[in-house]
Protein backbone atom coordinates (compact mmCIF):
# COMPACT_ATOMS: atom_id res chain seq x y z
CA UNK A 1 0.17 0.07 -0.03
CA UNK A 2 1.20 3.37 -0.94
CA UNK A 3 1.87 5.84 2.10
CA UNK A 4 -0.54 8.49 2.47
CA UNK A 5 2.36 11.15 2.28
CA UNK A 6 3.42 9.76 -1.05
CA UNK A 7 -0.12 9.82 -2.27
CA UNK A 8 -0.77 13.31 -1.38
CA UNK A 9 2.57 14.44 -3.11
CA UNK A 10 1.55 12.62 -6.34
CA UNK A 11 -1.92 14.08 -6.00
CA UNK A 12 -0.49 17.63 -5.46
CA UNK A 13 1.83 17.30 -8.36
CA UNK A 14 -0.26 15.55 -10.96
CA UNK A 15 -4.18 15.80 -10.15
CA UNK A 16 -6.61 18.61 -10.56
CA UNK A 17 -7.39 21.01 -7.50
CA UNK A 18 -10.54 19.23 -6.72
CA UNK A 19 -8.69 15.75 -6.56
CA UNK A 20 -5.90 16.90 -4.50
CA UNK A 21 -7.03 15.09 -1.09
CA UNK A 22 -9.31 12.57 -2.87
CA UNK A 23 -9.04 9.54 -0.63
CA UNK A 24 -6.83 11.20 1.97
CA UNK A 25 -7.62 12.15 5.45
CA UNK A 26 -5.17 15.23 6.22
CA UNK A 27 -5.46 14.40 9.88
CA UNK A 28 -3.16 11.34 9.41
CA UNK A 29 -0.53 13.06 7.18
CA UNK A 30 2.68 13.34 8.80
CA UNK A 31 4.00 16.65 7.39
CA UNK A 32 7.68 15.97 8.52
CA UNK A 33 7.33 12.71 6.58
CA UNK A 34 5.93 14.50 3.64
CA UNK A 35 8.92 16.95 3.57
CA UNK A 36 11.47 14.26 3.82
CA UNK A 37 9.68 12.44 0.92
CA UNK A 38 9.59 15.58 -1.41
CA UNK A 39 12.97 16.63 -0.43
CA UNK A 40 14.46 13.24 -1.10
CA UNK A 41 13.26 13.43 -4.82
CA UNK A 42 14.19 17.30 -5.04
CA UNK A 43 10.45 18.13 -5.19
CA UNK A 44 9.85 20.58 -2.52
CA UNK A 45 9.78 23.71 -4.71
CA UNK A 46 7.51 21.88 -7.10
CA UNK A 47 5.21 20.89 -4.04
CA UNK A 48 4.86 24.54 -3.10
CA UNK A 49 4.31 25.85 -6.55
CA UNK A 50 1.64 23.26 -7.10
CA UNK A 51 -0.17 23.92 -3.85
CA UNK A 52 0.04 27.59 -4.70
CA UNK A 53 -1.12 26.99 -8.36
CA UNK A 54 -3.98 24.81 -7.33
CA UNK A 55 -4.91 27.16 -4.50
CA UNK A 56 -4.92 24.54 -1.87
CA UNK A 57 -2.64 26.14 0.76
CA UNK A 58 -5.53 26.58 3.06
CA UNK A 59 -5.48 22.51 3.61
CA UNK A 60 -1.96 22.72 5.09
CA UNK A 61 -0.44 23.94 8.55
CA UNK A 62 0.89 27.61 8.20
CA UNK A 63 4.51 26.41 9.29
CA UNK A 64 4.45 23.77 6.55
CA UNK A 65 3.57 26.23 3.82
CA UNK A 66 6.18 28.79 5.16
CA UNK A 67 8.94 26.26 5.19
CA UNK A 68 8.38 25.12 1.69
CA UNK A 69 7.66 28.51 0.47
CA UNK A 70 11.29 29.38 1.79
CA UNK A 71 12.85 26.58 -0.03
CA UNK A 72 10.90 27.63 -3.10
CA UNK A 73 12.34 31.14 -2.91
CA UNK A 74 15.76 30.28 -2.26
CA UNK A 75 15.68 27.82 -5.09
CA UNK A 76 14.25 30.38 -7.40
CA UNK A 77 16.90 32.85 -6.73
CA UNK A 78 19.52 30.10 -7.11
CA UNK A 79 18.03 29.29 -10.63
CA UNK A 80 18.16 32.87 -11.68
CA UNK A 81 21.87 32.75 -10.91
CA UNK A 82 22.14 29.43 -12.72
CA UNK A 83 20.38 30.76 -15.91
CA UNK A 84 22.71 33.91 -15.81
CA UNK A 85 25.97 31.62 -15.41
CA UNK A 86 24.64 29.32 -18.21
CA UNK A 87 24.07 32.18 -20.66
CA UNK A 88 27.79 33.31 -19.68
CA UNK A 89 29.30 29.69 -20.20
CA UNK A 90 27.39 29.47 -23.67
CA UNK A 91 28.73 33.01 -24.73
CA UNK A 92 32.28 31.77 -23.64
CA UNK A 93 31.93 28.36 -25.67
CA UNK A 94 30.46 30.31 -28.85
CA UNK A 95 33.09 32.67 -28.70
CA UNK A 96 35.75 30.00 -28.95
CA UNK A 97 33.65 28.00 -31.69
CA UNK A 98 32.62 25.19 -29.54
CA UNK A 99 29.23 23.49 -30.28
CA UNK A 100 27.50 22.76 -27.20
CA UNK A 101 23.91 21.68 -25.87
CA UNK A 102 22.77 22.19 -22.43
CA UNK A 103 21.07 18.84 -20.83
CA UNK A 104 18.80 18.16 -18.09
CA UNK A 105 17.43 20.99 -15.81
CA UNK A 106 19.46 23.67 -17.44
CA UNK A 107 18.05 22.84 -20.80
CA UNK A 108 14.53 22.72 -19.46
CA UNK A 109 14.96 26.03 -17.67
CA UNK A 110 16.49 27.78 -20.69
CA UNK A 111 13.59 26.51 -22.84
CA UNK A 112 10.97 27.92 -20.71
CA UNK A 113 9.30 24.52 -19.94
CA UNK A 114 8.30 25.71 -16.53
CA UNK A 115 5.63 28.27 -15.56
CA UNK A 116 8.09 29.57 -12.85
CA UNK A 117 11.61 28.73 -12.82
CA UNK A 118 11.56 28.15 -9.00
CA UNK A 119 9.85 24.83 -9.57
CA UNK A 120 12.81 22.85 -10.68
CA UNK A 121 15.71 22.05 -8.48
CA UNK A 122 18.97 21.79 -10.08
CA UNK A 123 22.37 20.91 -8.77
CA UNK A 124 24.71 21.99 -11.95
CA UNK A 125 24.93 23.19 -15.27
CA UNK A 126 25.17 20.10 -17.51
CA UNK A 127 26.20 20.33 -21.19
CA UNK A 128 27.43 18.15 -24.02
CA UNK A 129 30.21 18.65 -26.59
CA UNK A 130 31.55 16.96 -29.50
CA UNK A 131 34.53 14.67 -28.68
CA UNK A 132 36.70 16.50 -30.96
CA UNK A 133 36.23 19.51 -28.75
CA UNK A 134 37.23 18.10 -25.62
CA UNK A 135 40.89 19.39 -25.46
CA UNK A 136 39.72 22.94 -26.38
CA UNK A 137 36.99 22.98 -23.86
CA UNK A 138 39.53 22.17 -21.19
CA UNK A 139 41.87 24.81 -22.19
CA UNK A 140 39.29 27.48 -22.56
CA UNK A 141 37.60 26.68 -19.22
CA UNK A 142 41.01 26.51 -17.57
CA UNK A 143 42.09 29.82 -19.02
CA UNK A 144 38.89 31.37 -17.84
CA UNK A 145 39.52 30.15 -14.33
CA UNK A 146 37.45 26.86 -14.17
CA UNK A 147 39.01 24.32 -11.89
CA UNK A 148 38.56 20.82 -10.59
CA UNK A 149 37.88 20.97 -6.79
CA UNK A 150 38.89 17.38 -6.31
CA UNK A 151 42.30 16.70 -5.06
CA UNK A 152 42.38 12.86 -5.85
CA UNK A 153 43.97 11.39 -8.99
CA UNK A 154 40.99 9.07 -9.78
CA UNK A 155 41.19 10.32 -13.49
CA UNK A 156 44.67 8.70 -13.78
CA UNK A 157 43.25 5.36 -13.26
CA UNK A 158 39.84 5.42 -14.59
CA UNK A 159 38.71 7.20 -17.99
CA UNK A 160 35.76 9.22 -16.81
CA UNK A 161 32.76 9.43 -19.23
CA UNK A 162 32.81 13.03 -18.97
CA UNK A 163 35.05 15.96 -17.99
CA UNK A 164 35.18 16.44 -14.15
CA UNK A 165 33.03 18.75 -12.23
CA UNK A 166 34.39 22.32 -12.57
CA UNK A 167 33.87 25.06 -10.33
CA UNK A 168 34.83 28.99 -10.70
CA UNK A 169 35.87 31.02 -7.73
CA UNK A 170 33.32 33.91 -8.58
CA UNK A 171 30.54 31.81 -9.65
CA UNK A 172 27.94 29.65 -7.67
CA UNK A 173 26.93 26.86 -9.96
CA UNK A 174 29.30 24.10 -11.00
CA UNK A 175 29.49 22.76 -14.40
CA UNK A 176 29.71 19.21 -16.01
């Protein structure tokens, strides 16, 4: 049997407003468990967004709504930075004649898939390049102060599928 918190999360995300609590007794919901569940799936901002969109916040405790609202707002601000940094990265790659495509969450945000950019949690900027450009990309990124924060030498033993995660001292979002 599906836990009530999981059923409620699915209902909020995918059902119409009038079906959000269908078959669910809110008195039996453990809101801490709901937060842990949504957080584990990186869905807290989406949970808040959909509660607001469906105008059902009155169903939830005020402290619960305030908590997930705060997470949503932090995530939205972070995504605004991510979009700015992705555009800067793209300009740098284009300037160096490197064809690239953004992937996953960054691609979705840049494509305006979401009604609100705060809805999606993203950890880094993922992009793909042509294999022939790999060394050029390494050189361009290094020249522009991107660095690998890992001090281990795993790349000497294992050929990675992609370039290591890179950071920049003046940027917030890592790139892969």
